[in-house]
Amino acid sequence: MAYEDIVKKYLDEDPERKVKLFKLYTRLMIISTFAIAAGVIIYIFYMFNFF
């Protein structure tokens, strides 16, 4: 039984799906970067008893 790449097949059906997926991943990476930065800042404030 040959391995069938379902994701590649799904993305190759419509090239627009690749663009949508790329935009989604880009947004998620930007949001996660800001979330991590905010978490570090809150942690620093917490460690120095600013809250």
PDB file of N, CA and C in Angstrom:
ATOM      1  N   MET A   1       0.842  -1.183   0.000  1.00  0.00           N
ATOM      2  CA  MET A   1       0.000   0.000   0.000  1.00  0.00           C
ATOM      3  C   MET A   1       0.886   1.244   0.000  1.00  0.00           C
ATOM      4  N   ALA A   2       0.707   2.071  -0.969  1.00  0.00           N
ATOM      5  CA  ALA A   2       1.521   3.272  -1.103  1.00  0.00           C
ATOM      6  C   ALA A   2       1.004   4.368  -0.168  1.00  0.00           C
ATOM      7  N   TYR A   3       1.940   5.165   0.303  1.00  0.00           N
ATOM      8  CA  TYR A   3       1.587   6.279   1.181  1.00  0.00           C
ATOM      9  C   TYR A   3       0.985   7.405   0.355  1.00  0.00           C
ATOM     10  N   GLU A   4      -0.149   7.906   0.788  1.00  0.00           N
ATOM     11  CA  GLU A   4      -0.832   8.991   0.080  1.00  0.00           C
ATOM     12  C   GLU A   4      -0.830  10.233   0.960  1.00  0.00           C
ATOM     13  N   ASP A   5      -0.232  11.289   0.462  1.00  0.00           N
ATOM     14  CA  ASP A   5      -0.158  12.523   1.223  1.00  0.00           C
ATOM     15  C   ASP A   5      -1.464  13.292   1.049  1.00  0.00           C
ATOM     16  N   ILE A   6      -2.318  13.186   2.048  1.00  0.00           N
ATOM     17  CA  ILE A   6      -3.649  13.777   1.972  1.00  0.00           C
ATOM     18  C   ILE A   6      -3.577  15.301   1.970  1.00  0.00           C
ATOM     19  N   VAL A   7      -2.673  15.867   2.775  1.00  0.00           N
ATOM     20  CA  VAL A   7      -2.561  17.319   2.860  1.00  0.00           C
ATOM     21  C   VAL A   7      -2.079  17.895   1.533  1.00  0.00           C
ATOM     22  N   LYS A   8      -1.067  17.262   0.939  1.00  0.00           N
ATOM     23  CA  LYS A   8      -0.556  17.739  -0.355  1.00  0.00           C
ATOM     24  C   LYS A   8      -1.639  17.646  -1.427  1.00  0.00           C
ATOM     25  N   LYS A   9      -2.390  16.566  -1.417  1.00  0.00           N
ATOM     26  CA  LYS A   9      -3.485  16.401  -2.386  1.00  0.00           C
ATOM     27  C   LYS A   9      -4.534  17.497  -2.196  1.00  0.00           C
ATOM     28  N   TYR A  10      -4.867  17.781  -0.926  1.00  0.00           N
ATOM     29  CA  TYR A  10      -5.868  18.812  -0.622  1.00  0.00           C
ATOM     30  C   TYR A  10      -5.388  20.187  -1.081  1.00  0.00           C
ATOM     31  N   LEU A  11      -4.110  20.497  -0.855  1.00  0.00           N
ATOM     32  CA  LEU A  11      -3.589  21.813  -1.219  1.00  0.00           C
ATOM     33  C   LEU A  11      -3.375  21.951  -2.724  1.00  0.00           C
ATOM     34  N   ASP A  12      -3.073  20.853  -3.392  1.00  0.00           N
ATOM     35  CA  ASP A  12      -2.849  20.909  -4.840  1.00  0.00           C
ATOM     36  C   ASP A  12      -4.143  21.062  -5.629  1.00  0.00           C
ATOM     37  N   GLU A  13      -5.274  20.723  -5.018  1.00  0.00           N
ATOM     38  CA  GLU A  13      -6.553  20.864  -5.721  1.00  0.00           C
ATOM     39  C   GLU A  13      -6.866  22.321  -6.027  1.00  0.00           C
ATOM     40  N   ASP A  14      -6.531  23.205  -5.082  1.00  0.00           N
ATOM     41  CA  ASP A  14      -6.815  24.631  -5.254  1.00  0.00           C
ATOM     42  C   ASP A  14      -5.606  25.422  -4.735  1.00  0.00           C
ATOM     43  N   PRO A  15      -4.867  26.093  -5.612  1.00  0.00           N
ATOM     44  CA  PRO A  15      -3.685  26.853  -5.161  1.00  0.00           C
ATOM     45  C   PRO A  15      -4.026  27.970  -4.170  1.00  0.00           C
ATOM     46  N   GLU A  16      -5.243  28.442  -4.190  1.00  0.00           N
ATOM     47  CA  GLU A  16      -5.652  29.499  -3.257  1.00  0.00           C
ATOM     48  C   GLU A  16      -5.582  29.014  -1.811  1.00  0.00           C
ATOM     49  N   ARG A  17      -5.739  27.726  -1.600  1.00  0.00           N
ATOM     50  CA  ARG A  17      -5.673  27.166  -0.246  1.00  0.00           C
ATOM     51  C   ARG A  17      -4.276  27.322   0.345  1.00  0.00           C
ATOM     52  N   LYS A  18      -3.255  27.216  -0.494  1.00  0.00           N
ATOM     53  CA  LYS A  18      -1.884  27.396  -0.009  1.00  0.00           C
ATOM     54  C   LYS A  18      -1.674  28.817   0.487  1.00  0.00           C
ATOM     55  N   VAL A  19      -2.241  29.778  -0.230  1.00  0.00           N
ATOM     56  CA  VAL A  19      -2.116  31.183   0.163  1.00  0.00           C
ATOM     57  C   VAL A  19      -2.838  31.423   1.483  1.00  0.00           C
ATOM     58  N   LYS A  20      -4.034  30.880   1.625  1.00  0.00           N
ATOM     59  CA  LYS A  20      -4.798  31.047   2.861  1.00  0.00           C
ATOM     60  C   LYS A  20      -4.066  30.418   4.039  1.00  0.00           C
ATOM     61  N   LEU A  21      -3.491  29.238   3.820  1.00  0.00           N
ATOM     62  CA  LEU A  21      -2.752  28.571   4.880  1.00  0.00           C
ATOM     63  C   LEU A  21      -1.510  29.366   5.270  1.00  0.00           C
ATOM     64  N   PHE A  22      -0.812  29.916   4.279  1.00  0.00           N
ATOM     65  CA  PHE A  22       0.368  30.734   4.552  1.00  0.00           C
ATOM     66  C   PHE A  22      -0.005  31.967   5.366  1.00  0.00           C
ATOM     67  N   LYS A  23      -1.102  32.638   4.985  1.00  0.00           N
ATOM     68  CA  LYS A  23      -1.536  33.822   5.742  1.00  0.00           C
ATOM     69  C   LYS A  23      -1.930  33.450   7.160  1.00  0.00           C
ATOM     70  N   LEU A  24      -2.600  32.319   7.329  1.00  0.00           N
ATOM     71  CA  LEU A  24      -2.994  31.879   8.666  1.00  0.00           C
ATOM     72  C   LEU A  24      -1.768  31.610   9.526  1.00  0.00           C
ATOM     73  N   TYR A  25      -0.788  30.875   8.984  1.00  0.00           N
ATOM     74  CA  TYR A  25       0.427  30.589   9.735  1.00  0.00           C
ATOM     75  C   TYR A  25       1.178  31.872  10.085  1.00  0.00           C
ATOM     76  N   THR A  26       1.219  32.818   9.156  1.00  0.00           N
ATOM     77  CA  THR A  26       1.907  34.076   9.417  1.00  0.00           C
ATOM     78  C   THR A  26       1.242  34.837  10.555  1.00  0.00           C
ATOM     79  N   ARG A  27      -0.078  34.921  10.518  1.00  0.00           N
ATOM     80  CA  ARG A  27      -0.805  35.598  11.611  1.00  0.00           C
ATOM     81  C   ARG A  27      -0.568  34.908  12.940  1.00  0.00           C
ATOM     82  N   LEU A  28      -0.614  33.570  12.952  1.00  0.00           N
ATOM     83  CA  LEU A  28      -0.408  32.841  14.197  1.00  0.00           C
ATOM     84  C   LEU A  28       1.000  33.047  14.745  1.00  0.00           C
ATOM     85  N   MET A  29       1.989  33.111  13.873  1.00  0.00           N
ATOM     86  CA  MET A  29       3.366  33.352  14.339  1.00  0.00           C
ATOM     87  C   MET A  29       3.512  34.746  14.930  1.00  0.00           C
ATOM     88  N   ILE A  30       2.885  35.746  14.311  1.00  0.00           N
ATOM     89  CA  ILE A  30       2.955  37.113  14.838  1.00  0.00           C
ATOM     90  C   ILE A  30       2.243  37.201  16.179  1.00  0.00           C
ATOM     91  N   ILE A  31       1.054  36.625  16.270  1.00  0.00           N
ATOM     92  CA  ILE A  31       0.295  36.663  17.524  1.00  0.00           C
ATOM     93  C   ILE A  31       1.051  35.935  18.629  1.00  0.00           C
ATOM     94  N   SER A  32       1.623  34.766  18.320  1.00  0.00           N
ATOM     95  CA  SER A  32       2.338  34.020  19.354  1.00  0.00           C
ATOM     96  C   SER A  32       3.584  34.769  19.825  1.00  0.00           C
ATOM     97  N   THR A  33       4.234  35.490  18.925  1.00  0.00           N
ATOM     98  CA  THR A  33       5.401  36.290  19.320  1.00  0.00           C
ATOM     99  C   THR A  33       5.003  37.364  20.325  1.00  0.00           C
ATOM    100  N   PHE A  34       3.916  38.079  20.041  1.00  0.00           N
ATOM    101  CA  PHE A  34       3.467  39.109  20.978  1.00  0.00           C
ATOM    102  C   PHE A  34       2.973  38.495  22.284  1.00  0.00           C
ATOM    103  N   ALA A  35       2.351  37.344  22.222  1.00  0.00           N
ATOM    104  CA  ALA A  35       1.875  36.689  23.443  1.00  0.00           C
ATOM    105  C   ALA A  35       3.052  36.274  24.326  1.00  0.00           C
ATOM    106  N   ILE A  36       4.086  35.742  23.719  1.00  0.00           N
ATOM    107  CA  ILE A  36       5.272  35.351  24.491  1.00  0.00           C
ATOM    108  C   ILE A  36       5.936  36.585  25.093  1.00  0.00           C
ATOM    109  N   ALA A  37       6.052  37.657  24.322  1.00  0.00           N
ATOM    110  CA  ALA A  37       6.662  38.892  24.834  1.00  0.00           C
ATOM    111  C   ALA A  37       5.839  39.452  25.995  1.00  0.00           C
ATOM    112  N   ALA A  38       4.523  39.459  25.860  1.00  0.00           N
ATOM    113  CA  ALA A  38       3.662  39.961  26.942  1.00  0.00           C
ATOM    114  C   ALA A  38       3.809  39.083  28.178  1.00  0.00           C
ATOM    115  N   GLY A  39       3.899  37.780  27.983  1.00  0.00           N
ATOM    116  CA  GLY A  39       4.078  36.873  29.119  1.00  0.00           C
ATOM    117  C   GLY A  39       5.387  37.118  29.843  1.00  0.00           C
ATOM    118  N   VAL A  40       6.445  37.371  29.107  1.00  0.00           N
ATOM    119  CA  VAL A  40       7.747  37.650  29.725  1.00  0.00           C
ATOM    120  C   VAL A  40       7.690  38.958  30.500  1.00  0.00           C
ATOM    121  N   ILE A  41       7.062  39.975  29.938  1.00  0.00           N
ATOM    122  CA  ILE A  41       6.948  41.270  30.624  1.00  0.00           C
ATOM    123  C   ILE A  41       6.127  41.129  31.898  1.00  0.00           C
ATOM    124  N   ILE A  42       5.013  40.416  31.835  1.00  0.00           N
ATOM    125  CA  ILE A  42       4.185  40.199  33.030  1.00  0.00           C
ATOM    126  C   ILE A  42       4.964  39.411  34.077  1.00  0.00           C
ATOM    127  N   TYR A  43       5.724  38.420  33.643  1.00  0.00           N
ATOM    128  CA  TYR A  43       6.541  37.644  34.578  1.00  0.00           C
ATOM    129  C   TYR A  43       7.579  38.532  35.264  1.00  0.00           C
ATOM    130  N   ILE A  44       8.219  39.407  34.512  1.00  0.00           N
ATOM    131  CA  ILE A  44       9.209  40.317  35.102  1.00  0.00           C
ATOM    132  C   ILE A  44       8.541  41.253  36.103  1.00  0.00           C
ATOM    133  N   PHE A  45       7.382  41.800  35.737  1.00  0.00           N
ATOM    134  CA  PHE A  45       6.654  42.653  36.683  1.00  0.00           C
ATOM    135  C   PHE A  45       6.274  41.884  37.936  1.00  0.00           C
ATOM    136  N   TYR A  46       5.866  40.642  37.775  1.00  0.00           N
ATOM    137  CA  TYR A  46       5.471  39.829  38.915  1.00  0.00           C
ATOM    138  C   TYR A  46       6.674  39.546  39.819  1.00  0.00           C
ATOM    139  N   MET A  47       7.822  39.280  39.216  1.00  0.00           N
ATOM    140  CA  MET A  47       9.010  38.967  40.008  1.00  0.00           C
ATOM    141  C   MET A  47       9.492  40.184  40.798  1.00  0.00           C
ATOM    142  N   PHE A  48       9.283  41.385  40.289  1.00  0.00           N
ATOM    143  CA  PHE A  48       9.701  42.601  40.985  1.00  0.00           C
ATOM    144  C   PHE A  48       8.550  43.241  41.758  1.00  0.00           C
ATOM    145  N   ASN A  49       7.473  42.503  41.955  1.00  0.00           N
ATOM    146  CA  ASN A  49       6.319  42.926  42.761  1.00  0.00           C
ATOM    147  C   ASN A  49       5.687  44.223  42.313  1.00  0.00           C
ATOM    148  N   PHE A  50       5.528  44.396  40.983  1.00  0.00           N
ATOM    149  CA  PHE A  50       4.816  45.563  40.491  1.00  0.00           C
ATOM    150  C   PHE A  50       3.311  45.339  40.483  1.00  0.00           C
ATOM    151  N   PHE A  51       2.903  44.106  40.697  1.00  0.00           N
ATOM    152  CA  PHE A  51       1.451  43.809  40.745  1.00  0.00           C
ATOM    153  C   PHE A  51       1.028  43.579  42.160  1.00  0.00           C
TER     154      PHE A  51
END
